[in-house]
Amino acid sequence: MKITANGISMNYTLDGPTGAPVVTLSHSLATTLAMWEPQVKALTARWRVLSYDTRGHGGTDAPKSAYSLDQLADDAQALLRTLGIQRTHWVGLSMGGMIGQTLALKAPELFASLVLCDTSSRVPPEAKPLWDERVHTAEAKGMEPLVEGTLGRWFTAPFKDRGGSVVESVRAMIRSTNPAGYIGCCQAISSLNLTDRIGAIKIPTLIIVGEDDQGTPVAASKVMNEQIKGSQLVVLKSAAHLSNMEQPEAFTQALTGFLSKVG
């Protein structure tokens, strides 16, 4: 479904029992709301589930410009407001977790809880050239040269080498990402620097990370766990960056167990 929020057309789905507490799912860079498919059935059995495509991704508009995490958080807040959702559990993976942290600091009253998956509170300055290189590649050659390297970071080698429908679906998502949207979101991510601020987050928080995540390693999750008082940390074995897709049962169990307790 499409709706206009914060000046752009946004693509979203809203499923599950009417009147149930809302869970909002926010995906990673270079994927779409389809990334959450392994969790949807378990979640919609008990919760009202809002999935949406971030600015620059999937069926949502991809304006040509540098985006900021504040802007992506404003998009999400405007979407919730337009749909009449006053409070939500937020589940964000990678970029979705960065948006979640940003929005939780701006508008904590929106949050029943916060789940930060395979994400970080800071992109170190030494990583900036990496992001600049990705932007340059997407500008010059489109998404194709980025596909296989991204898959190599996002899944453990045995899982990627086995291939199968999960790897193929993610390969297709990366390949079909609008380069302008990818570039805009890369610029937002590369300026992430929230570690010194997230101690202000007081809402119930769960942090999930794959033990083999290269991009946002366990160490980054431990930093967030230390900064956000009372947060819980779950490390999933045999999983890299897209831990919800590589270990769907363990991920879903950790997520639904947490949501059941807090909500």
C-alpha atoms as a PDB file:
ATOM      1  CA  MET A   1       0.000   0.000   0.000  1.00  0.00           C
ATOM      2  CA  LYS A   2       1.097   3.573  -0.638  1.00  0.00           C
ATOM      3  CA  ILE A   3       0.690   6.656   1.534  1.00  0.00           C
ATOM      4  CA  THR A   4       2.198  10.149   1.441  1.00  0.00           C
ATOM      5  CA  ALA A   5       4.236  11.035   4.536  1.00  0.00           C
ATOM      6  CA  ASN A   6       6.929  13.671   5.068  1.00  0.00           C
ATOM      7  CA  GLY A   7       6.587  14.752   1.453  1.00  0.00           C
ATOM      8  CA  ILE A   8       7.266  11.377  -0.186  1.00  0.00           C
ATOM      9  CA  SER A   9       5.176   8.403  -1.264  1.00  0.00           C
ATOM     10  CA  MET A  10       5.924   5.500   1.108  1.00  0.00           C
ATOM     11  CA  ASN A  11       5.228   1.818   0.519  1.00  0.00           C
ATOM     12  CA  TYR A  12       4.044  -0.202   3.509  1.00  0.00           C
ATOM     13  CA  THR A  13       2.061  -3.230   4.667  1.00  0.00           C
ATOM     14  CA  LEU A  14      -0.104  -3.421   7.796  1.00  0.00           C
ATOM     15  CA  ASP A  15      -1.220  -6.885   8.874  1.00  0.00           C
ATOM     16  CA  GLY A  16      -2.371  -8.740  11.964  1.00  0.00           C
ATOM     17  CA  PRO A  17      -5.248  -8.364  14.432  1.00  0.00           C
ATOM     18  CA  THR A  18      -6.902  -4.933  14.479  1.00  0.00           C
ATOM     19  CA  GLY A  19      -6.501  -3.349  17.896  1.00  0.00           C
ATOM     20  CA  ALA A  20      -3.449  -5.436  18.833  1.00  0.00           C
ATOM     21  CA  PRO A  21      -0.233  -3.649  19.876  1.00  0.00           C
ATOM     22  CA  VAL A  22       1.731  -2.471  16.834  1.00  0.00           C
ATOM     23  CA  VAL A  23       5.191  -3.760  15.892  1.00  0.00           C
ATOM     24  CA  THR A  24       7.050  -1.671  13.276  1.00  0.00           C
ATOM     25  CA  LEU A  25       9.723  -3.419  11.181  1.00  0.00           C
ATOM     26  CA  SER A  26      12.527  -1.334   9.635  1.00  0.00           C
ATOM     27  CA  HIS A  27      14.868  -3.027   7.154  1.00  0.00           C
ATOM     28  CA  SER A  28      18.568  -2.779   6.311  1.00  0.00           C
ATOM     29  CA  LEU A  29      20.289  -0.831   3.536  1.00  0.00           C
ATOM     30  CA  ALA A  30      19.764  -2.334   0.049  1.00  0.00           C
ATOM     31  CA  THR A  31      16.816  -4.535   1.023  1.00  0.00           C
ATOM     32  CA  THR A  32      13.051  -3.966   1.291  1.00  0.00           C
ATOM     33  CA  LEU A  33      10.286  -4.785   3.743  1.00  0.00           C
ATOM     34  CA  ALA A  34      10.383  -8.307   2.213  1.00  0.00           C
ATOM     35  CA  MET A  35      13.509  -8.890   4.336  1.00  0.00           C
ATOM     36  CA  TRP A  36      11.187  -9.511   7.309  1.00  0.00           C
ATOM     37  CA  GLU A  37       9.254 -12.320   5.638  1.00  0.00           C
ATOM     38  CA  PRO A  38      10.705 -14.997   7.998  1.00  0.00           C
ATOM     39  CA  GLN A  39       9.222 -13.181  11.033  1.00  0.00           C
ATOM     40  CA  VAL A  40       5.866 -12.010   9.694  1.00  0.00           C
ATOM     41  CA  LYS A  41       3.797 -15.151  10.333  1.00  0.00           C
ATOM     42  CA  ALA A  42       4.821 -15.447  13.991  1.00  0.00           C
ATOM     43  CA  LEU A  43       4.379 -11.708  14.593  1.00  0.00           C
ATOM     44  CA  THR A  44       1.007 -11.244  12.874  1.00  0.00           C
ATOM     45  CA  ALA A  45      -0.447 -14.076  14.970  1.00  0.00           C
ATOM     46  CA  ARG A  46      -0.324 -11.762  18.015  1.00  0.00           C
ATOM     47  CA  TRP A  47       0.608  -8.243  16.947  1.00  0.00           C
ATOM     48  CA  ARG A  48      -0.428  -5.664  14.349  1.00  0.00           C
ATOM     49  CA  VAL A  49       2.645  -5.506  12.133  1.00  0.00           C
ATOM     50  CA  LEU A  50       3.693  -2.439  10.131  1.00  0.00           C
ATOM     51  CA  SER A  51       6.461  -3.048   7.587  1.00  0.00           C
ATOM     52  CA  TYR A  52       7.630  -0.225   5.361  1.00  0.00           C
ATOM     53  CA  ASP A  53      10.201   0.530   2.667  1.00  0.00           C
ATOM     54  CA  THR A  54      12.687   3.185   3.813  1.00  0.00           C
ATOM     55  CA  ARG A  55      13.208   6.288   1.654  1.00  0.00           C
ATOM     56  CA  GLY A  56      15.162   5.256  -1.446  1.00  0.00           C
ATOM     57  CA  HIS A  57      14.179   1.580  -1.233  1.00  0.00           C
ATOM     58  CA  GLY A  58      11.548  -0.765  -2.638  1.00  0.00           C
ATOM     59  CA  GLY A  59       8.291   0.965  -3.496  1.00  0.00           C
ATOM     60  CA  THR A  60       9.076   4.167  -1.564  1.00  0.00           C
ATOM     61  CA  ASP A  61      10.242   7.302  -3.392  1.00  0.00           C
ATOM     62  CA  ALA A  62      13.993   7.728  -3.934  1.00  0.00           C
ATOM     63  CA  PRO A  63      14.745  11.461  -4.229  1.00  0.00           C
ATOM     64  CA  LYS A  64      18.246  12.233  -5.525  1.00  0.00           C
ATOM     65  CA  SER A  65      19.994  13.872  -2.576  1.00  0.00           C
ATOM     66  CA  ALA A  66      22.023  13.068   0.519  1.00  0.00           C
ATOM     67  CA  TYR A  67      19.706  11.740   3.231  1.00  0.00           C
ATOM     68  CA  SER A  68      20.253  12.047   6.977  1.00  0.00           C
ATOM     69  CA  LEU A  69      19.250   9.723   9.812  1.00  0.00           C
ATOM     70  CA  ASP A  70      17.118  12.574  11.206  1.00  0.00           C
ATOM     71  CA  GLN A  71      15.258  12.703   7.899  1.00  0.00           C
ATOM     72  CA  LEU A  72      14.761   8.913   7.837  1.00  0.00           C
ATOM     73  CA  ALA A  73      13.484   9.087  11.433  1.00  0.00           C
ATOM     74  CA  ASP A  74      11.128  11.928  10.436  1.00  0.00           C
ATOM     75  CA  ASP A  75       9.829   9.743   7.574  1.00  0.00           C
ATOM     76  CA  ALA A  76       9.034   6.955  10.035  1.00  0.00           C
ATOM     77  CA  GLN A  77       7.391   9.319  12.520  1.00  0.00           C
ATOM     78  CA  ALA A  78       5.276  10.869   9.741  1.00  0.00           C
ATOM     79  CA  LEU A  79       4.241   7.397   8.530  1.00  0.00           C
ATOM     80  CA  LEU A  80       3.119   6.393  12.040  1.00  0.00           C
ATOM     81  CA  ARG A  81       1.237   9.674  12.474  1.00  0.00           C
ATOM     82  CA  THR A  82      -0.478   9.382   9.077  1.00  0.00           C
ATOM     83  CA  LEU A  83      -1.592   5.826   9.894  1.00  0.00           C
ATOM     84  CA  GLY A  84      -2.886   6.951  13.308  1.00  0.00           C
ATOM     85  CA  ILE A  85      -0.386   4.821  15.250  1.00  0.00           C
ATOM     86  CA  GLN A  86       0.426   6.519  18.561  1.00  0.00           C
ATOM     87  CA  ARG A  87       2.716   3.864  20.032  1.00  0.00           C
ATOM     88  CA  THR A  88       4.755   1.010  18.623  1.00  0.00           C
ATOM     89  CA  HIS A  89       7.341  -1.623  19.355  1.00  0.00           C
ATOM     90  CA  TRP A  90      10.233  -0.801  16.977  1.00  0.00           C
ATOM     91  CA  VAL A  91      12.319  -3.570  15.404  1.00  0.00           C
ATOM     92  CA  GLY A  92      15.156  -2.283  13.224  1.00  0.00           C
ATOM     93  CA  LEU A  93      18.006  -4.188  11.610  1.00  0.00           C
ATOM     94  CA  SER A  94      21.233  -2.417  10.603  1.00  0.00           C
ATOM     95  CA  MET A  95      20.044   0.896   9.071  1.00  0.00           C
ATOM     96  CA  GLY A  96      16.632   0.205  10.641  1.00  0.00           C
ATOM     97  CA  GLY A  97      18.295   0.057  14.056  1.00  0.00           C
ATOM     98  CA  MET A  98      20.068   3.347  13.396  1.00  0.00           C
ATOM     99  CA  ILE A  99      16.730   4.947  12.476  1.00  0.00           C
ATOM    100  CA  GLY A 100      15.224   3.428  15.629  1.00  0.00           C
ATOM    101  CA  GLN A 101      17.896   4.913  17.893  1.00  0.00           C
ATOM    102  CA  THR A 102      17.526   8.318  16.217  1.00  0.00           C
ATOM    103  CA  LEU A 103      13.736   8.301  16.551  1.00  0.00           C
ATOM    104  CA  ALA A 104      13.825   6.992  20.139  1.00  0.00           C
ATOM    105  CA  LEU A 105      15.959   9.999  21.093  1.00  0.00           C
ATOM    106  CA  LYS A 106      13.655  12.421  19.233  1.00  0.00           C
ATOM    107  CA  ALA A 107      10.266  11.005  20.211  1.00  0.00           C
ATOM    108  CA  PRO A 108      10.519   8.434  23.027  1.00  0.00           C
ATOM    109  CA  GLU A 109       6.773   8.656  23.644  1.00  0.00           C
ATOM    110  CA  LEU A 110       6.203   6.727  20.381  1.00  0.00           C
ATOM    111  CA  PHE A 111       7.969   3.633  21.696  1.00  0.00           C
ATOM    112  CA  ALA A 112       6.589   0.701  23.684  1.00  0.00           C
ATOM    113  CA  SER A 113       9.991  -0.983  23.204  1.00  0.00           C
ATOM    114  CA  LEU A 114      13.070  -0.934  20.983  1.00  0.00           C
ATOM    115  CA  VAL A 115      14.769  -3.906  19.303  1.00  0.00           C
ATOM    116  CA  LEU A 116      18.170  -3.138  17.753  1.00  0.00           C
ATOM    117  CA  CYS A 117      19.385  -5.902  15.448  1.00  0.00           C
ATOM    118  CA  ASP A 118      22.823  -6.195  13.823  1.00  0.00           C
ATOM    119  CA  THR A 119      23.369  -2.463  14.106  1.00  0.00           C
ATOM    120  CA  SER A 120      25.671   0.088  15.699  1.00  0.00           C
ATOM    121  CA  SER A 121      25.539   3.424  17.491  1.00  0.00           C
ATOM    122  CA  ARG A 122      28.556   4.824  15.637  1.00  0.00           C
ATOM    123  CA  VAL A 123      30.382   4.584  12.317  1.00  0.00           C
ATOM    124  CA  PRO A 124      34.059   5.222  13.084  1.00  0.00           C
ATOM    125  CA  PRO A 125      35.865   7.886  11.004  1.00  0.00           C
ATOM    126  CA  GLU A 126      38.223   5.243   9.583  1.00  0.00           C
ATOM    127  CA  ALA A 127      35.202   3.557   7.930  1.00  0.00           C
ATOM    128  CA  LYS A 128      34.255   6.722   6.025  1.00  0.00           C
ATOM    129  CA  PRO A 129      36.427   5.882   2.961  1.00  0.00           C
ATOM    130  CA  LEU A 130      34.595   2.525   2.685  1.00  0.00           C
ATOM    131  CA  TRP A 131      31.250   4.294   2.501  1.00  0.00           C
ATOM    132  CA  ASP A 132      32.622   6.859   0.039  1.00  0.00           C
ATOM    133  CA  GLU A 133      33.824   3.994  -2.155  1.00  0.00           C
ATOM    134  CA  ARG A 134      30.374   2.350  -2.134  1.00  0.00           C
ATOM    135  CA  VAL A 135      28.769   5.670  -3.070  1.00  0.00           C
ATOM    136  CA  HIS A 136      31.267   6.140  -5.905  1.00  0.00           C
ATOM    137  CA  THR A 137      30.655   2.614  -7.219  1.00  0.00           C
ATOM    138  CA  ALA A 138      26.871   3.046  -7.186  1.00  0.00           C
ATOM    139  CA  GLU A 139      27.181   6.433  -8.925  1.00  0.00           C
ATOM    140  CA  ALA A 140      29.536   5.183 -11.613  1.00  0.00           C
ATOM    141  CA  LYS A 141      28.365   1.626 -12.241  1.00  0.00           C
ATOM    142  CA  GLY A 142      25.037   1.055 -10.471  1.00  0.00           C
ATOM    143  CA  MET A 143      24.335  -1.716  -7.974  1.00  0.00           C
ATOM    144  CA  GLU A 144      25.654  -4.770  -9.847  1.00  0.00           C
ATOM    145  CA  PRO A 145      29.323  -4.501  -8.724  1.00  0.00           C
ATOM    146  CA  LEU A 146      28.153  -4.252  -5.082  1.00  0.00           C
ATOM    147  CA  VAL A 147      26.004  -7.389  -5.054  1.00  0.00           C
ATOM    148  CA  GLU A 148      28.427 -10.247  -4.349  1.00  0.00           C
ATOM    149  CA  GLY A 149      30.632  -8.348  -1.887  1.00  0.00           C
ATOM    150  CA  THR A 150      27.553  -7.328   0.085  1.00  0.00           C
ATOM    151  CA  LEU A 151      26.267 -10.902   0.208  1.00  0.00           C
ATOM    152  CA  GLY A 152      29.701 -12.016   1.447  1.00  0.00           C
ATOM    153  CA  ARG A 153      29.446  -9.640   4.395  1.00  0.00           C
ATOM    154  CA  TRP A 154      25.801 -10.308   5.142  1.00  0.00           C
ATOM    155  CA  PHE A 155      25.857 -14.112   5.379  1.00  0.00           C
ATOM    156  CA  THR A 156      28.336 -16.623   6.768  1.00  0.00           C
ATOM    157  CA  ALA A 157      30.352 -18.341   4.029  1.00  0.00           C
ATOM    158  CA  PRO A 158      28.695 -21.792   4.435  1.00  0.00           C
ATOM    159  CA  PHE A 159      25.201 -20.259   4.256  1.00  0.00           C
ATOM    160  CA  LYS A 160      26.032 -18.111   1.216  1.00  0.00           C
ATOM    161  CA  ASP A 161      27.762 -20.994  -0.562  1.00  0.00           C
ATOM    162  CA  ARG A 162      24.717 -23.230  -0.088  1.00  0.00           C
ATOM    163  CA  GLY A 163      22.713 -20.589  -1.934  1.00  0.00           C
ATOM    164  CA  GLY A 164      18.996 -21.291  -1.826  1.00  0.00           C
ATOM    165  CA  SER A 165      15.945 -19.065  -1.880  1.00  0.00           C
ATOM    166  CA  VAL A 166      17.014 -16.764   0.994  1.00  0.00           C
ATOM    167  CA  VAL A 167      20.347 -15.845  -0.601  1.00  0.00           C
ATOM    168  CA  GLU A 168      18.675 -15.458  -4.010  1.00  0.00           C
ATOM    169  CA  SER A 169      15.963 -13.184  -2.610  1.00  0.00           C
ATOM    170  CA  VAL A 170      18.563 -10.907  -0.987  1.00  0.00           C
ATOM    171  CA  ARG A 171      20.689 -10.922  -4.147  1.00  0.00           C
ATOM    172  CA  ALA A 172      17.620  -9.698  -6.056  1.00  0.00           C
ATOM    173  CA  MET A 173      16.863  -7.021  -3.444  1.00  0.00           C
ATOM    174  CA  ILE A 174      20.391  -5.584  -3.568  1.00  0.00           C
ATOM    175  CA  ARG A 175      20.430  -5.691  -7.367  1.00  0.00           C
ATOM    176  CA  SER A 176      17.088  -3.898  -7.667  1.00  0.00           C
ATOM    177  CA  THR A 177      17.852  -1.132  -5.123  1.00  0.00           C
ATOM    178  CA  ASN A 178      17.604   2.325  -6.690  1.00  0.00           C
ATOM    179  CA  PRO A 179      21.210   3.642  -6.838  1.00  0.00           C
ATOM    180  CA  ALA A 180      20.020   7.145  -5.818  1.00  0.00           C
ATOM    181  CA  GLY A 181      18.316   5.682  -2.742  1.00  0.00           C
ATOM    182  CA  TYR A 182      21.334   3.547  -1.885  1.00  0.00           C
ATOM    183  CA  ILE A 183      23.648   6.558  -2.186  1.00  0.00           C
ATOM    184  CA  GLY A 184      21.358   8.776  -0.085  1.00  0.00           C
ATOM    185  CA  CYS A 185      21.141   6.175   2.690  1.00  0.00           C
ATOM    186  CA  CYS A 186      24.910   5.463   2.596  1.00  0.00           C
ATOM    187  CA  GLN A 187      25.463   9.157   3.275  1.00  0.00           C
ATOM    188  CA  ALA A 188      23.053   9.013   6.222  1.00  0.00           C
ATOM    189  CA  ILE A 189      24.669   5.896   7.713  1.00  0.00           C
ATOM    190  CA  SER A 190      28.239   7.143   7.346  1.00  0.00           C
ATOM    191  CA  SER A 191      27.528  10.057   9.696  1.00  0.00           C
ATOM    192  CA  LEU A 192      26.103   7.857  12.494  1.00  0.00           C
ATOM    193  CA  ASN A 193      27.445   9.019  15.870  1.00  0.00           C
ATOM    194  CA  LEU A 194      25.006   8.318  18.709  1.00  0.00           C
ATOM    195  CA  THR A 195      27.073   6.388  21.271  1.00  0.00           C
ATOM    196  CA  ASP A 196      27.379   9.334  23.638  1.00  0.00           C
ATOM    197  CA  ARG A 197      23.623  10.026  23.457  1.00  0.00           C
ATOM    198  CA  ILE A 198      21.882   6.644  23.636  1.00  0.00           C
ATOM    199  CA  GLY A 199      22.262   6.471  27.419  1.00  0.00           C
ATOM    200  CA  ALA A 200      19.174   8.710  27.393  1.00  0.00           C
ATOM    201  CA  ILE A 201      17.088   5.827  25.996  1.00  0.00           C
ATOM    202  CA  LYS A 202      14.966   4.518  28.899  1.00  0.00           C
ATOM    203  CA  ILE A 203      12.505   2.299  27.019  1.00  0.00           C
ATOM    204  CA  PRO A 204      12.763  -1.523  27.238  1.00  0.00           C
ATOM    205  CA  THR A 205      15.466  -2.509  24.734  1.00  0.00           C
ATOM    206  CA  LEU A 206      16.610  -5.807  23.231  1.00  0.00           C
ATOM    207  CA  ILE A 207      19.821  -6.030  21.191  1.00  0.00           C
ATOM    208  CA  ILE A 208      20.257  -8.995  18.802  1.00  0.00           C
ATOM    209  CA  VAL A 209      23.424  -9.677  16.789  1.00  0.00           C
ATOM    210  CA  GLY A 210      24.854 -12.531  14.743  1.00  0.00           C
ATOM    211  CA  GLU A 211      28.147 -13.730  16.234  1.00  0.00           C
ATOM    212  CA  ASP A 212      29.773 -13.586  12.765  1.00  0.00           C
ATOM    213  CA  ASP A 213      28.482 -10.126  11.797  1.00  0.00           C
ATOM    214  CA  GLN A 214      31.391  -8.277  10.131  1.00  0.00           C
ATOM    215  CA  GLY A 215      29.707  -4.946   9.393  1.00  0.00           C
ATOM    216  CA  THR A 216      28.229  -4.271  12.836  1.00  0.00           C
ATOM    217  CA  PRO A 217      30.156  -6.728  15.013  1.00  0.00           C
ATOM    218  CA  VAL A 218      29.273  -8.081  18.451  1.00  0.00           C
ATOM    219  CA  ALA A 219      31.584  -5.438  19.967  1.00  0.00           C
ATOM    220  CA  ALA A 220      29.273  -2.686  18.624  1.00  0.00           C
ATOM    221  CA  SER A 221      26.261  -4.388  20.202  1.00  0.00           C
ATOM    222  CA  LYS A 222      28.106  -4.668  23.514  1.00  0.00           C
ATOM    223  CA  VAL A 223      28.717  -0.902  23.448  1.00  0.00           C
ATOM    224  CA  MET A 224      24.985  -0.247  22.961  1.00  0.00           C
ATOM    225  CA  ASN A 225      24.172  -2.795  25.677  1.00  0.00           C
ATOM    226  CA  GLU A 226      26.459  -0.936  28.099  1.00  0.00           C
ATOM    227  CA  GLN A 227      25.087   2.495  27.162  1.00  0.00           C
ATOM    228  CA  ILE A 228      21.362   1.634  27.291  1.00  0.00           C
ATOM    229  CA  LYS A 229      20.742   0.708  30.918  1.00  0.00           C
ATOM    230  CA  GLY A 230      18.686  -2.438  31.457  1.00  0.00           C
ATOM    231  CA  SER A 231      18.961  -3.542  27.818  1.00  0.00           C
ATOM    232  CA  GLN A 232      19.286  -7.245  27.003  1.00  0.00           C
ATOM    233  CA  LEU A 233      21.837  -8.667  24.560  1.00  0.00           C
ATOM    234  CA  VAL A 234      21.300 -11.860  22.526  1.00  0.00           C
ATOM    235  CA  VAL A 235      24.128 -13.197  20.335  1.00  0.00           C
ATOM    236  CA  LEU A 236      22.991 -15.681  17.669  1.00  0.00           C
ATOM    237  CA  LYS A 237      25.352 -18.480  16.678  1.00  0.00           C
ATOM    238  CA  SER A 238      26.109 -19.225  13.007  1.00  0.00           C
ATOM    239  CA  ALA A 239      24.713 -15.914  11.801  1.00  0.00           C
ATOM    240  CA  ALA A 240      26.232 -12.853  10.166  1.00  0.00           C
ATOM    241  CA  HIS A 241      24.601  -9.481   9.377  1.00  0.00           C
ATOM    242  CA  LEU A 242      21.124 -10.574   8.243  1.00  0.00           C
ATOM    243  CA  SER A 243      20.674 -12.741  11.315  1.00  0.00           C
ATOM    244  CA  ASN A 244      16.874 -12.698  10.997  1.00  0.00           C
ATOM    245  CA  MET A 245      17.190 -14.495   7.649  1.00  0.00           C
ATOM    246  CA  GLU A 246      20.145 -16.769   8.406  1.00  0.00           C
ATOM    247  CA  GLN A 247      18.823 -17.993  11.782  1.00  0.00           C
ATOM    248  CA  PRO A 248      15.100 -17.193  11.505  1.00  0.00           C
ATOM    249  CA  GLU A 249      13.880 -19.542  14.257  1.00  0.00           C
ATOM    250  CA  ALA A 250      16.379 -18.357  16.886  1.00  0.00           C
ATOM    251  CA  PHE A 251      15.855 -14.717  15.905  1.00  0.00           C
ATOM    252  CA  THR A 252      12.061 -14.958  15.985  1.00  0.00           C
ATOM    253  CA  GLN A 253      12.142 -16.773  19.332  1.00  0.00           C
ATOM    254  CA  ALA A 254      14.318 -14.058  20.903  1.00  0.00           C
ATOM    255  CA  LEU A 255      12.130 -11.310  19.410  1.00  0.00           C
ATOM    256  CA  THR A 256       8.704 -12.728  20.300  1.00  0.00           C
ATOM    257  CA  GLY A 257       9.899 -13.717  23.800  1.00  0.00           C
ATOM    258  CA  PHE A 258      10.981 -10.132  24.446  1.00  0.00           C
ATOM    259  CA  LEU A 259       7.819  -8.579  22.968  1.00  0.00           C
ATOM    260  CA  SER A 260       5.621 -10.905  25.036  1.00  0.00           C
ATOM    261  CA  LYS A 261       7.344  -9.781  28.240  1.00  0.00           C
ATOM    262  CA  VAL A 262       7.309  -6.036  27.567  1.00  0.00           C
ATOM    263  CA  GLY A 263       3.905  -5.788  25.975  1.00  0.00           C
END
